[in-house]
Structure formats: C-alpha cells, structure tokens
Amino acid sequence: MTDPAVPFGGADPSGAPDRPTAADHLPQTGVASVDEALRVLADIDRVPITDHPGRYERFHAELRGALDEVEDER
C-alpha cells in the first residue's frame, strides 16, 4: 500500500534512490490545476489496484475543479 505522506515521485520509504516517474515526464498544459490533476494519474501503474478507484475519484474531482475555474473566468 502506498504511503499518502510520500508525494508522487517522492523518496522511496525503503531508502532506495528516487526513480524517474511518469509524472516527471508529463507535458505541461499551462494550467496549473489541470497539470496537478494529471499528476494524480501519472503513476497509477505503480500503486496497488485497490488504490485505483480513489485515484480516479481524486482525478475527477480535481479536473472538475479545474474546469469550473475556467468557466468562472469567462
């Protein structure tokens, strides 16, 4: 199970050196809130499948929030 206290792409609790992650190679959209939402899913293949629903729910909530911000700016 992943440690929620360790940020995505953060140090491995075992002390192993950091490995590059998918999040390190994400293209930047230019919208910080969208970039952060995409980061939630970037390393989904590195977490237990039981954690996937929570990641997708978090991604949906963050992306919805980002889209709401764009709507508010219009």
Protein backbone atom coordinates (compact mmCIF):
# COMPACT_ATOMS: atom_id res chain seq x y z
CA MET A 1 0.00 0.00 0.00
CA THR A 2 1.27 3.47 -0.77
CA ASP A 3 2.07 5.95 1.92
CA PRO A 4 -0.12 9.04 1.43
CA ALA A 5 2.51 11.11 3.24
CA VAL A 6 5.02 10.49 0.44
CA PRO A 7 4.40 12.75 -2.56
CA PHE A 8 4.11 11.24 -6.02
CA GLY A 9 7.59 10.58 -7.32
CA GLY A 10 8.93 11.13 -3.80
CA ALA A 11 11.55 9.21 -1.95
CA ASP A 12 11.01 5.50 -1.55
CA PRO A 13 10.37 4.77 2.15
CA SER A 14 12.87 1.89 1.89
CA GLY A 15 15.64 4.42 1.32
CA ALA A 16 16.17 3.43 -2.31
CA PRO A 17 17.13 6.32 -4.59
CA ASP A 18 14.34 8.09 -6.43
CA ARG A 19 13.49 6.64 -9.81
CA PRO A 20 12.14 8.79 -12.60
CA THR A 21 8.37 8.58 -12.69
CA ALA A 22 5.74 9.15 -15.35
CA ALA A 23 4.91 12.38 -13.50
CA ASP A 24 8.42 13.63 -14.26
CA HIS A 25 7.68 13.44 -17.99
CA LEU A 26 4.18 14.91 -18.16
CA PRO A 27 3.69 17.66 -20.70
CA GLN A 28 2.69 20.96 -19.16
CA THR A 29 -0.75 22.22 -20.19
CA GLY A 30 -0.12 25.75 -18.96
CA VAL A 31 -2.97 25.46 -16.46
CA ALA A 32 -1.57 24.55 -13.05
CA SER A 33 -4.77 22.95 -11.77
CA VAL A 34 -5.03 20.70 -14.84
CA ASP A 35 -1.35 19.75 -14.56
CA GLU A 36 -1.92 18.79 -10.92
CA ALA A 37 -4.98 16.71 -11.83
CA LEU A 38 -2.98 14.83 -14.47
CA ARG A 39 -0.21 14.18 -11.95
CA VAL A 40 -2.71 12.19 -9.85
CA LEU A 41 -2.91 9.55 -12.58
CA ALA A 42 0.66 9.70 -13.84
CA ASP A 43 1.97 6.89 -11.65
CA ILE A 44 -1.20 4.84 -11.32
CA ASP A 45 0.63 1.77 -12.60
CA ARG A 46 2.91 1.95 -9.55
CA VAL A 47 0.18 1.75 -6.91
CA PRO A 48 -1.89 -1.25 -5.88
CA ILE A 49 -5.01 -1.77 -7.94
CA THR A 50 -7.09 -1.36 -4.79
CA ASP A 51 -5.93 2.28 -4.72
CA HIS A 52 -7.01 2.96 -8.32
CA PRO A 53 -10.67 3.90 -7.60
CA GLY A 54 -9.55 6.54 -5.11
CA ARG A 55 -7.05 7.94 -7.60
CA TYR A 56 -9.70 8.14 -10.34
CA GLU A 57 -12.13 9.82 -7.94
CA ARG A 58 -9.47 12.34 -6.93
CA PHE A 59 -8.55 12.96 -10.59
CA HIS A 60 -12.20 13.54 -11.47
CA ALA A 61 -12.69 15.96 -8.57
CA GLU A 62 -9.52 17.91 -9.37
CA LEU A 63 -10.27 18.07 -13.09
CA ARG A 64 -13.85 19.14 -12.40
CA GLY A 65 -12.48 21.89 -10.15
CA ALA A 66 -10.06 22.99 -12.87
CA LEU A 67 -12.86 23.14 -15.42
CA ASP A 68 -15.05 25.08 -13.01
CA GLU A 69 -12.24 27.64 -12.65
CA VAL A 70 -12.13 28.09 -16.42
CA GLU A 71 -15.90 28.53 -16.53
CA ASP A 72 -15.70 31.16 -13.76
CA GLU A 73 -13.12 33.14 -15.74
CA ARG A 74 -15.46 33.51 -18.73
